[in-house]
Amino acid sequence: MTGRFSKLEVQQSKVQAATIAPAELLGVPVRTPQDDLRAASDAWRMECFESALQHYTRALRDDRGLIPAWVGQVQMLVELHEHPEARLWADKALELFRNNGELLAARALAAHRAGDHQAAFIASDDCLKAPGTSPLRWRVRAEIMLRSAADRARDCFEKSLVEPGTDWFDRVLIARVYATNSLPAAALVYAQQGLDMQPGHPITWVTIGRCQAALGMSEKAALSFQRATQLPGGREPGLAALKSLAGTGSPTRLSRWLTGLFKR
């Protein structure tokens, strides 16, 4: 194996057993795999994909039985556009957990983003036949079908949202899929739902701003990005989005307004 994939270690640390007990005796907090899973989820929601990948990797180093960490690694590799390695990672996980529905969904996603649509459909069919159900399975199915059967894809997106545990971020993820497929109007619907559910998270404002920008609503987009900068953790993603907007040939008045904002 080469590249990043060779670095994604999942072997149990040989020194773990020798180091945890002394640390506990000294009162030093011991970081658990569940802590890394939570950190990975937080990083993903902030679009810090590299950081999220690192946390998923750390979780697996301590507990290779954590299927959410395997799935998360595949998803982050996809987000980082490292599709061949995402497929390798999914296949490696499925060698350990055969016919797992979540891992099959992750394999389908990686194959689809790599342009192997036949493999994506096969993996998606298999994941829906596997025991259990989840937002991921239906969301991936919807993405695979979006170009060929838009109405059925929308139904699958809606099915994903009635699964237990869905929240604002699930709406953001759907908005991203529509936006990536050059369907900003549909993306805006779900971005607005995410914003309504969680107006205190900067990524909801960044997401809706991107949809507004794609629809030509540049000034509204700029205001959305500015809102993001005012929220905890939102300054960098908000300013990055504003700078991207300023470089897309915005009207002169908007360009002047953005220039003034950057100088504050």
C-alpha atoms as a PDB file:
ATOM      1  CA  MET A   1       0.000   0.000   0.000  1.00  0.00           C
ATOM      2  CA  THR A   2       1.176   3.548  -0.699  1.00  0.00           C
ATOM      3  CA  GLY A   3       0.204   7.095   0.193  1.00  0.00           C
ATOM      4  CA  ARG A   4      -2.152   7.945   2.986  1.00  0.00           C
ATOM      5  CA  PHE A   5      -3.679   4.467   3.061  1.00  0.00           C
ATOM      6  CA  SER A   6      -0.430   2.943   4.297  1.00  0.00           C
ATOM      7  CA  LYS A   7      -0.554   5.266   7.296  1.00  0.00           C
ATOM      8  CA  LEU A   8      -4.067   4.368   8.412  1.00  0.00           C
ATOM      9  CA  GLU A   9      -2.996   1.946  11.090  1.00  0.00           C
ATOM     10  CA  VAL A  10      -5.541  -0.070  13.039  1.00  0.00           C
ATOM     11  CA  GLN A  11      -3.259  -2.314  15.069  1.00  0.00           C
ATOM     12  CA  GLN A  12      -3.721  -2.355  18.818  1.00  0.00           C
ATOM     13  CA  SER A  13      -0.879  -0.475  20.482  1.00  0.00           C
ATOM     14  CA  LYS A  14       1.526  -2.853  22.166  1.00  0.00           C
ATOM     15  CA  VAL A  15       2.200  -0.347  24.920  1.00  0.00           C
ATOM     16  CA  GLN A  16      -1.415   0.510  25.613  1.00  0.00           C
ATOM     17  CA  ALA A  17      -1.894  -1.989  28.415  1.00  0.00           C
ATOM     18  CA  ALA A  18       1.326  -0.892  30.060  1.00  0.00           C
ATOM     19  CA  THR A  19       0.548   2.830  29.894  1.00  0.00           C
ATOM     20  CA  ILE A  20      -3.133   3.137  30.762  1.00  0.00           C
ATOM     21  CA  ALA A  21      -2.932   1.802  34.299  1.00  0.00           C
ATOM     22  CA  PRO A  22      -0.089   4.144  35.443  1.00  0.00           C
ATOM     23  CA  ALA A  23      -1.857   7.099  33.848  1.00  0.00           C
ATOM     24  CA  GLU A  24      -5.043   6.277  35.719  1.00  0.00           C
ATOM     25  CA  LEU A  25      -3.116   5.909  38.978  1.00  0.00           C
ATOM     26  CA  LEU A  26      -1.569   9.331  38.451  1.00  0.00           C
ATOM     27  CA  GLY A  27      -4.977  10.871  37.823  1.00  0.00           C
ATOM     28  CA  VAL A  28      -4.199  11.652  34.199  1.00  0.00           C
ATOM     29  CA  PRO A  29      -7.344  11.551  32.011  1.00  0.00           C
ATOM     30  CA  VAL A  30      -7.197   8.630  29.588  1.00  0.00           C
ATOM     31  CA  ARG A  31      -8.470   9.376  26.090  1.00  0.00           C
ATOM     32  CA  THR A  32     -10.853   6.678  24.929  1.00  0.00           C
ATOM     33  CA  PRO A  33     -11.889   5.629  21.415  1.00  0.00           C
ATOM     34  CA  GLN A  34     -15.306   7.136  22.101  1.00  0.00           C
ATOM     35  CA  ASP A  35     -13.621  10.479  22.791  1.00  0.00           C
ATOM     36  CA  ASP A  36     -11.966  10.279  19.381  1.00  0.00           C
ATOM     37  CA  LEU A  37     -15.267   9.376  17.726  1.00  0.00           C
ATOM     38  CA  ARG A  38     -16.871  12.475  19.227  1.00  0.00           C
ATOM     39  CA  ALA A  39     -13.918  14.629  18.194  1.00  0.00           C
ATOM     40  CA  ALA A  40     -14.105  13.219  14.671  1.00  0.00           C
ATOM     41  CA  SER A  41     -17.812  14.017  14.459  1.00  0.00           C
ATOM     42  CA  ASP A  42     -17.218  17.580  15.664  1.00  0.00           C
ATOM     43  CA  ALA A  43     -14.416  18.078  13.135  1.00  0.00           C
ATOM     44  CA  TRP A  44     -16.533  16.682  10.302  1.00  0.00           C
ATOM     45  CA  ARG A  45     -19.346  19.068  11.139  1.00  0.00           C
ATOM     46  CA  MET A  46     -16.869  21.937  10.890  1.00  0.00           C
ATOM     47  CA  GLU A  47     -15.651  20.609   7.513  1.00  0.00           C
ATOM     48  CA  CYS A  48     -12.235  19.824   9.009  1.00  0.00           C
ATOM     49  CA  PHE A  49     -11.973  16.549   7.116  1.00  0.00           C
ATOM     50  CA  GLU A  50      -8.280  15.948   7.697  1.00  0.00           C
ATOM     51  CA  SER A  51      -8.676  16.351  11.448  1.00  0.00           C
ATOM     52  CA  ALA A  52     -11.732  14.093  11.450  1.00  0.00           C
ATOM     53  CA  LEU A  53      -9.792  11.424   9.566  1.00  0.00           C
ATOM     54  CA  GLN A  54      -7.018  11.537  12.150  1.00  0.00           C
ATOM     55  CA  HIS A  55      -9.467  11.084  14.998  1.00  0.00           C
ATOM     56  CA  TYR A  56     -11.177   8.137  13.305  1.00  0.00           C
ATOM     57  CA  THR A  57      -7.747   6.574  12.817  1.00  0.00           C
ATOM     58  CA  ARG A  58      -6.866   7.025  16.484  1.00  0.00           C
ATOM     59  CA  ALA A  59     -10.137   5.445  17.548  1.00  0.00           C
ATOM     60  CA  LEU A  60      -9.375   2.384  15.423  1.00  0.00           C
ATOM     61  CA  ARG A  61      -5.872   2.072  16.809  1.00  0.00           C
ATOM     62  CA  ASP A  62      -7.425   1.466  20.217  1.00  0.00           C
ATOM     63  CA  ASP A  63     -10.506  -0.480  19.136  1.00  0.00           C
ATOM     64  CA  ARG A  64     -10.604  -1.974  15.661  1.00  0.00           C
ATOM     65  CA  GLY A  65     -14.150  -3.199  16.303  1.00  0.00           C
ATOM     66  CA  LEU A  66     -15.594   0.322  16.043  1.00  0.00           C
ATOM     67  CA  ILE A  67     -17.520   0.131  12.794  1.00  0.00           C
ATOM     68  CA  PRO A  68     -18.484   3.853  12.920  1.00  0.00           C
ATOM     69  CA  ALA A  69     -14.775   4.675  12.826  1.00  0.00           C
ATOM     70  CA  TRP A  70     -14.219   2.463   9.774  1.00  0.00           C
ATOM     71  CA  VAL A  71     -17.192   4.089   8.064  1.00  0.00           C
ATOM     72  CA  GLY A  72     -16.003   7.536   9.083  1.00  0.00           C
ATOM     73  CA  GLN A  73     -12.567   6.978   7.611  1.00  0.00           C
ATOM     74  CA  VAL A  74     -14.064   6.050   4.254  1.00  0.00           C
ATOM     75  CA  GLN A  75     -16.307   9.105   4.300  1.00  0.00           C
ATOM     76  CA  MET A  76     -13.452  11.457   5.145  1.00  0.00           C
ATOM     77  CA  LEU A  77     -11.261  10.019   2.390  1.00  0.00           C
ATOM     78  CA  VAL A  78     -14.164  10.653   0.020  1.00  0.00           C
ATOM     79  CA  GLU A  79     -14.499  14.227   1.290  1.00  0.00           C
ATOM     80  CA  LEU A  80     -10.764  14.669   0.671  1.00  0.00           C
ATOM     81  CA  HIS A  81     -11.260  13.364  -2.910  1.00  0.00           C
ATOM     82  CA  GLU A  82      -9.023  10.372  -2.288  1.00  0.00           C
ATOM     83  CA  HIS A  83     -11.465   7.981  -3.875  1.00  0.00           C
ATOM     84  CA  PRO A  84      -9.173   5.044  -4.702  1.00  0.00           C
ATOM     85  CA  GLU A  85      -7.946   4.887  -1.119  1.00  0.00           C
ATOM     86  CA  ALA A  86     -11.509   5.264   0.162  1.00  0.00           C
ATOM     87  CA  ARG A  87     -12.457   2.164  -1.838  1.00  0.00           C
ATOM     88  CA  LEU A  88      -9.467   0.238  -0.531  1.00  0.00           C
ATOM     89  CA  TRP A  89     -10.352   1.227   3.024  1.00  0.00           C
ATOM     90  CA  ALA A  90     -13.970   0.115   2.580  1.00  0.00           C
ATOM     91  CA  ASP A  91     -12.868  -3.241   1.157  1.00  0.00           C
ATOM     92  CA  LYS A  92     -10.400  -3.753   3.996  1.00  0.00           C
ATOM     93  CA  ALA A  93     -13.135  -3.089   6.556  1.00  0.00           C
ATOM     94  CA  LEU A  94     -15.531  -5.453   4.814  1.00  0.00           C
ATOM     95  CA  GLU A  95     -12.949  -8.224   5.055  1.00  0.00           C
ATOM     96  CA  LEU A  96     -13.424  -7.989   8.820  1.00  0.00           C
ATOM     97  CA  PHE A  97     -17.149  -7.187   8.914  1.00  0.00           C
ATOM     98  CA  ARG A  98     -18.712  -8.955   5.972  1.00  0.00           C
ATOM     99  CA  ASN A  99     -22.105  -7.767   4.761  1.00  0.00           C
ATOM    100  CA  ASN A 100     -22.222  -4.875   7.221  1.00  0.00           C
ATOM    101  CA  GLY A 101     -24.805  -2.440   5.891  1.00  0.00           C
ATOM    102  CA  GLU A 102     -22.999   0.741   6.923  1.00  0.00           C
ATOM    103  CA  LEU A 103     -19.723  -0.365   5.398  1.00  0.00           C
ATOM    104  CA  LEU A 104     -21.493  -1.402   2.208  1.00  0.00           C
ATOM    105  CA  ALA A 105     -23.042   2.058   2.031  1.00  0.00           C
ATOM    106  CA  ALA A 106     -19.591   3.580   2.484  1.00  0.00           C
ATOM    107  CA  ARG A 107     -18.258   1.339  -0.305  1.00  0.00           C
ATOM    108  CA  ALA A 108     -21.128   2.471  -2.544  1.00  0.00           C
ATOM    109  CA  LEU A 109     -20.352   6.113  -1.836  1.00  0.00           C
ATOM    110  CA  ALA A 110     -16.654   5.689  -2.591  1.00  0.00           C
ATOM    111  CA  ALA A 111     -17.386   3.840  -5.823  1.00  0.00           C
ATOM    112  CA  HIS A 112     -19.929   6.449  -6.925  1.00  0.00           C
ATOM    113  CA  ARG A 113     -17.611   9.386  -6.272  1.00  0.00           C
ATOM    114  CA  ALA A 114     -14.855   7.524  -8.150  1.00  0.00           C
ATOM    115  CA  GLY A 115     -17.158   7.267 -11.171  1.00  0.00           C
ATOM    116  CA  ASP A 116     -17.756   3.514 -10.928  1.00  0.00           C
ATOM    117  CA  HIS A 117     -21.532   3.703 -10.963  1.00  0.00           C
ATOM    118  CA  GLN A 118     -22.129   0.014 -11.588  1.00  0.00           C
ATOM    119  CA  ALA A 119     -20.142  -0.953  -8.500  1.00  0.00           C
ATOM    120  CA  ALA A 120     -21.929   1.786  -6.579  1.00  0.00           C
ATOM    121  CA  PHE A 121     -25.364   0.397  -7.432  1.00  0.00           C
ATOM    122  CA  ILE A 122     -24.321  -3.149  -6.526  1.00  0.00           C
ATOM    123  CA  ALA A 123     -22.958  -2.071  -3.141  1.00  0.00           C
ATOM    124  CA  SER A 124     -26.009   0.099  -2.518  1.00  0.00           C
ATOM    125  CA  ASP A 125     -28.360  -2.798  -3.317  1.00  0.00           C
ATOM    126  CA  ASP A 126     -26.398  -4.991  -0.928  1.00  0.00           C
ATOM    127  CA  CYS A 127     -26.454  -2.400   1.860  1.00  0.00           C
ATOM    128  CA  LEU A 128     -30.243  -2.047   1.646  1.00  0.00           C
ATOM    129  CA  LYS A 129     -30.616  -5.830   1.829  1.00  0.00           C
ATOM    130  CA  ALA A 130     -28.362  -6.069   4.884  1.00  0.00           C
ATOM    131  CA  PRO A 131     -29.912  -6.115   8.363  1.00  0.00           C
ATOM    132  CA  GLY A 132     -30.779  -2.737   9.813  1.00  0.00           C
ATOM    133  CA  THR A 133     -31.306   0.680   8.320  1.00  0.00           C
ATOM    134  CA  SER A 134     -29.761   4.129   8.696  1.00  0.00           C
ATOM    135  CA  PRO A 135     -29.666   7.660   7.271  1.00  0.00           C
ATOM    136  CA  LEU A 136     -26.367   6.895   5.522  1.00  0.00           C
ATOM    137  CA  ARG A 137     -27.770   3.992   3.532  1.00  0.00           C
ATOM    138  CA  TRP A 138     -30.677   6.020   2.158  1.00  0.00           C
ATOM    139  CA  ARG A 139     -28.616   9.162   1.597  1.00  0.00           C
ATOM    140  CA  VAL A 140     -26.031   7.262  -0.446  1.00  0.00           C
ATOM    141  CA  ARG A 141     -28.786   5.559  -2.425  1.00  0.00           C
ATOM    142  CA  ALA A 142     -30.296   8.937  -3.175  1.00  0.00           C
ATOM    143  CA  GLU A 143     -26.982  10.372  -4.347  1.00  0.00           C
ATOM    144  CA  ILE A 144     -26.402   7.438  -6.678  1.00  0.00           C
ATOM    145  CA  MET A 145     -29.876   7.850  -8.207  1.00  0.00           C
ATOM    146  CA  LEU A 146     -29.934  11.636  -8.341  1.00  0.00           C
ATOM    147  CA  ARG A 147     -28.990  12.051 -11.985  1.00  0.00           C
ATOM    148  CA  SER A 148     -31.067   9.193 -13.367  1.00  0.00           C
ATOM    149  CA  ALA A 149     -34.188   9.361 -11.199  1.00  0.00           C
ATOM    150  CA  ALA A 150     -34.476  12.680  -9.384  1.00  0.00           C
ATOM    151  CA  ASP A 151     -37.915  12.017  -7.872  1.00  0.00           C
ATOM    152  CA  ARG A 152     -36.905   8.646  -6.473  1.00  0.00           C
ATOM    153  CA  ALA A 153     -33.710  10.181  -5.158  1.00  0.00           C
ATOM    154  CA  ARG A 154     -35.715  12.814  -3.309  1.00  0.00           C
ATOM    155  CA  ASP A 155     -37.854  10.074  -1.767  1.00  0.00           C
ATOM    156  CA  CYS A 156     -34.701   8.335  -0.565  1.00  0.00           C
ATOM    157  CA  PHE A 157     -33.398  11.562   0.946  1.00  0.00           C
ATOM    158  CA  GLU A 158     -36.683  11.967   2.786  1.00  0.00           C
ATOM    159  CA  LYS A 159     -36.500   8.359   4.006  1.00  0.00           C
ATOM    160  CA  SER A 160     -33.064   9.098   5.409  1.00  0.00           C
ATOM    161  CA  LEU A 161     -34.481  11.943   7.484  1.00  0.00           C
ATOM    162  CA  VAL A 162     -37.092   9.825   9.272  1.00  0.00           C
ATOM    163  CA  GLU A 163     -34.421   7.504  10.632  1.00  0.00           C
ATOM    164  CA  PRO A 164     -33.843   7.780  14.408  1.00  0.00           C
ATOM    165  CA  GLY A 165     -31.188  10.227  15.483  1.00  0.00           C
ATOM    166  CA  THR A 166     -31.171  12.495  12.441  1.00  0.00           C
ATOM    167  CA  ASP A 167     -30.500  16.179  13.073  1.00  0.00           C
ATOM    168  CA  TRP A 168     -29.547  19.439  11.359  1.00  0.00           C
ATOM    169  CA  PHE A 169     -26.327  17.992   9.982  1.00  0.00           C
ATOM    170  CA  ASP A 170     -28.206  15.376   7.980  1.00  0.00           C
ATOM    171  CA  ARG A 171     -29.971  18.240   6.191  1.00  0.00           C
ATOM    172  CA  VAL A 172     -26.639  19.932   5.548  1.00  0.00           C
ATOM    173  CA  LEU A 173     -25.235  16.729   4.047  1.00  0.00           C
ATOM    174  CA  ILE A 174     -28.199  16.440   1.682  1.00  0.00           C
ATOM    175  CA  ALA A 175     -27.783  20.092   0.706  1.00  0.00           C
ATOM    176  CA  ARG A 176     -24.139  19.388  -0.120  1.00  0.00           C
ATOM    177  CA  VAL A 177     -25.094  16.498  -2.391  1.00  0.00           C
ATOM    178  CA  TYR A 178     -27.554  18.634  -4.334  1.00  0.00           C
ATOM    179  CA  ALA A 179     -25.076  21.512  -4.535  1.00  0.00           C
ATOM    180  CA  THR A 180     -22.286  19.227  -5.735  1.00  0.00           C
ATOM    181  CA  ASN A 181     -24.604  18.053  -8.498  1.00  0.00           C
ATOM    182  CA  SER A 182     -25.316  21.645  -9.594  1.00  0.00           C
ATOM    183  CA  LEU A 183     -28.825  21.690  -8.134  1.00  0.00           C
ATOM    184  CA  PRO A 184     -28.630  24.738  -5.853  1.00  0.00           C
ATOM    185  CA  ALA A 185     -32.378  25.355  -5.606  1.00  0.00           C
ATOM    186  CA  ALA A 186     -32.982  21.897  -4.130  1.00  0.00           C
ATOM    187  CA  ALA A 187     -29.882  22.304  -1.991  1.00  0.00           C
ATOM    188  CA  LEU A 188     -31.238  25.554  -0.570  1.00  0.00           C
ATOM    189  CA  VAL A 189     -34.379  23.792   0.699  1.00  0.00           C
ATOM    190  CA  TYR A 190     -32.375  21.411   2.869  1.00  0.00           C
ATOM    191  CA  ALA A 191     -29.820  24.043   3.846  1.00  0.00           C
ATOM    192  CA  GLN A 192     -32.683  26.167   5.157  1.00  0.00           C
ATOM    193  CA  GLN A 193     -34.008  23.225   7.155  1.00  0.00           C
ATOM    194  CA  GLY A 194     -30.579  22.742   8.703  1.00  0.00           C
ATOM    195  CA  LEU A 195     -30.325  26.429   9.531  1.00  0.00           C
ATOM    196  CA  ASP A 196     -33.783  26.473  11.103  1.00  0.00           C
ATOM    197  CA  MET A 197     -32.796  23.550  13.328  1.00  0.00           C
ATOM    198  CA  GLN A 198     -29.348  24.845  14.287  1.00  0.00           C
ATOM    199  CA  PRO A 199     -28.805  28.582  13.680  1.00  0.00           C
ATOM    200  CA  GLY A 200     -25.971  28.625  16.207  1.00  0.00           C
ATOM    201  CA  HIS A 201     -23.555  26.530  14.146  1.00  0.00           C
ATOM    202  CA  PRO A 202     -21.413  28.397  11.596  1.00  0.00           C
ATOM    203  CA  ILE A 203     -21.541  25.645   8.993  1.00  0.00           C
ATOM    204  CA  THR A 204     -25.303  26.010   8.634  1.00  0.00           C
ATOM    205  CA  TRP A 205     -24.728  29.644   7.629  1.00  0.00           C
ATOM    206  CA  VAL A 206     -21.833  28.737   5.332  1.00  0.00           C
ATOM    207  CA  THR A 207     -23.941  26.053   3.659  1.00  0.00           C
ATOM    208  CA  ILE A 208     -26.924  28.267   3.033  1.00  0.00           C
ATOM    209  CA  GLY A 209     -24.610  31.030   1.824  1.00  0.00           C
ATOM    210  CA  ARG A 210     -23.071  28.712  -0.760  1.00  0.00           C
ATOM    211  CA  CYS A 211     -26.535  27.839  -2.041  1.00  0.00           C
ATOM    212  CA  GLN A 212     -27.470  31.516  -2.242  1.00  0.00           C
ATOM    213  CA  ALA A 213     -24.254  32.307  -4.104  1.00  0.00           C
ATOM    214  CA  ALA A 214     -24.890  29.510  -6.609  1.00  0.00           C
ATOM    215  CA  LEU A 215     -28.340  30.956  -7.243  1.00  0.00           C
ATOM    216  CA  GLY A 216     -26.907  34.408  -7.929  1.00  0.00           C
ATOM    217  CA  MET A 217     -27.980  35.893  -4.595  1.00  0.00           C
ATOM    218  CA  SER A 218     -24.507  37.238  -3.856  1.00  0.00           C
ATOM    219  CA  GLU A 219     -25.401  39.874  -1.281  1.00  0.00           C
ATOM    220  CA  LYS A 220     -27.553  37.437   0.692  1.00  0.00           C
ATOM    221  CA  ALA A 221     -24.720  34.937   0.523  1.00  0.00           C
ATOM    222  CA  ALA A 222     -22.259  37.504   1.831  1.00  0.00           C
ATOM    223  CA  LEU A 223     -24.534  38.260   4.772  1.00  0.00           C
ATOM    224  CA  SER A 224     -24.859  34.540   5.536  1.00  0.00           C
ATOM    225  CA  PHE A 225     -21.081  34.108   5.475  1.00  0.00           C
ATOM    226  CA  GLN A 226     -20.705  37.161   7.700  1.00  0.00           C
ATOM    227  CA  ARG A 227     -23.119  35.603  10.191  1.00  0.00           C
ATOM    228  CA  ALA A 228     -20.899  32.517  10.232  1.00  0.00           C
ATOM    229  CA  THR A 229     -17.860  34.610  11.175  1.00  0.00           C
ATOM    230  CA  GLN A 230     -19.703  35.869  14.246  1.00  0.00           C
ATOM    231  CA  LEU A 231     -20.264  32.401  15.710  1.00  0.00           C
ATOM    232  CA  PRO A 232     -17.800  30.321  17.769  1.00  0.00           C
ATOM    233  CA  GLY A 233     -15.362  28.597  15.434  1.00  0.00           C
ATOM    234  CA  GLY A 234     -16.871  30.281  12.403  1.00  0.00           C
ATOM    235  CA  ARG A 235     -14.409  33.053  11.638  1.00  0.00           C
ATOM    236  CA  GLU A 236     -12.100  31.011   9.394  1.00  0.00           C
ATOM    237  CA  PRO A 237     -14.747  29.124   7.369  1.00  0.00           C
ATOM    238  CA  GLY A 238     -16.862  32.276   7.090  1.00  0.00           C
ATOM    239  CA  LEU A 239     -13.985  34.435   5.858  1.00  0.00           C
ATOM    240  CA  ALA A 240     -12.840  31.697   3.470  1.00  0.00           C
ATOM    241  CA  ALA A 241     -16.332  31.612   1.977  1.00  0.00           C
ATOM    242  CA  LEU A 242     -16.429  35.406   1.718  1.00  0.00           C
ATOM    243  CA  LYS A 243     -13.078  35.497  -0.076  1.00  0.00           C
ATOM    244  CA  SER A 244     -14.262  32.815  -2.469  1.00  0.00           C
ATOM    245  CA  LEU A 245     -17.396  34.844  -3.150  1.00  0.00           C
ATOM    246  CA  ALA A 246     -15.337  37.985  -3.764  1.00  0.00           C
ATOM    247  CA  GLY A 247     -13.362  36.149  -6.417  1.00  0.00           C
ATOM    248  CA  THR A 248     -16.356  35.013  -8.459  1.00  0.00           C
ATOM    249  CA  GLY A 249     -16.929  38.246 -10.339  1.00  0.00           C
ATOM    250  CA  SER A 250     -19.325  39.821  -7.852  1.00  0.00           C
ATOM    251  CA  PRO A 251     -20.857  43.233  -8.641  1.00  0.00           C
ATOM    252  CA  THR A 252     -18.693  46.266  -7.856  1.00  0.00           C
ATOM    253  CA  ARG A 253     -20.822  47.359  -4.908  1.00  0.00           C
ATOM    254  CA  LEU A 254     -20.586  43.917  -3.325  1.00  0.00           C
ATOM    255  CA  SER A 255     -16.844  43.780  -3.975  1.00  0.00           C
ATOM    256  CA  ARG A 256     -16.373  47.101  -2.164  1.00  0.00           C
ATOM    257  CA  TRP A 257     -18.496  45.873   0.746  1.00  0.00           C
ATOM    258  CA  LEU A 258     -16.473  42.675   1.029  1.00  0.00           C
ATOM    259  CA  THR A 259     -13.199  44.575   0.846  1.00  0.00           C
ATOM    260  CA  GLY A 260     -14.319  46.718   3.751  1.00  0.00           C
ATOM    261  CA  LEU A 261     -15.285  43.629   5.725  1.00  0.00           C
ATOM    262  CA  PHE A 262     -11.831  42.045   5.269  1.00  0.00           C
ATOM    263  CA  LYS A 263     -10.191  45.187   6.681  1.00  0.00           C
ATOM    264  CA  ARG A 264     -12.155  45.063   9.937  1.00  0.00           C
END
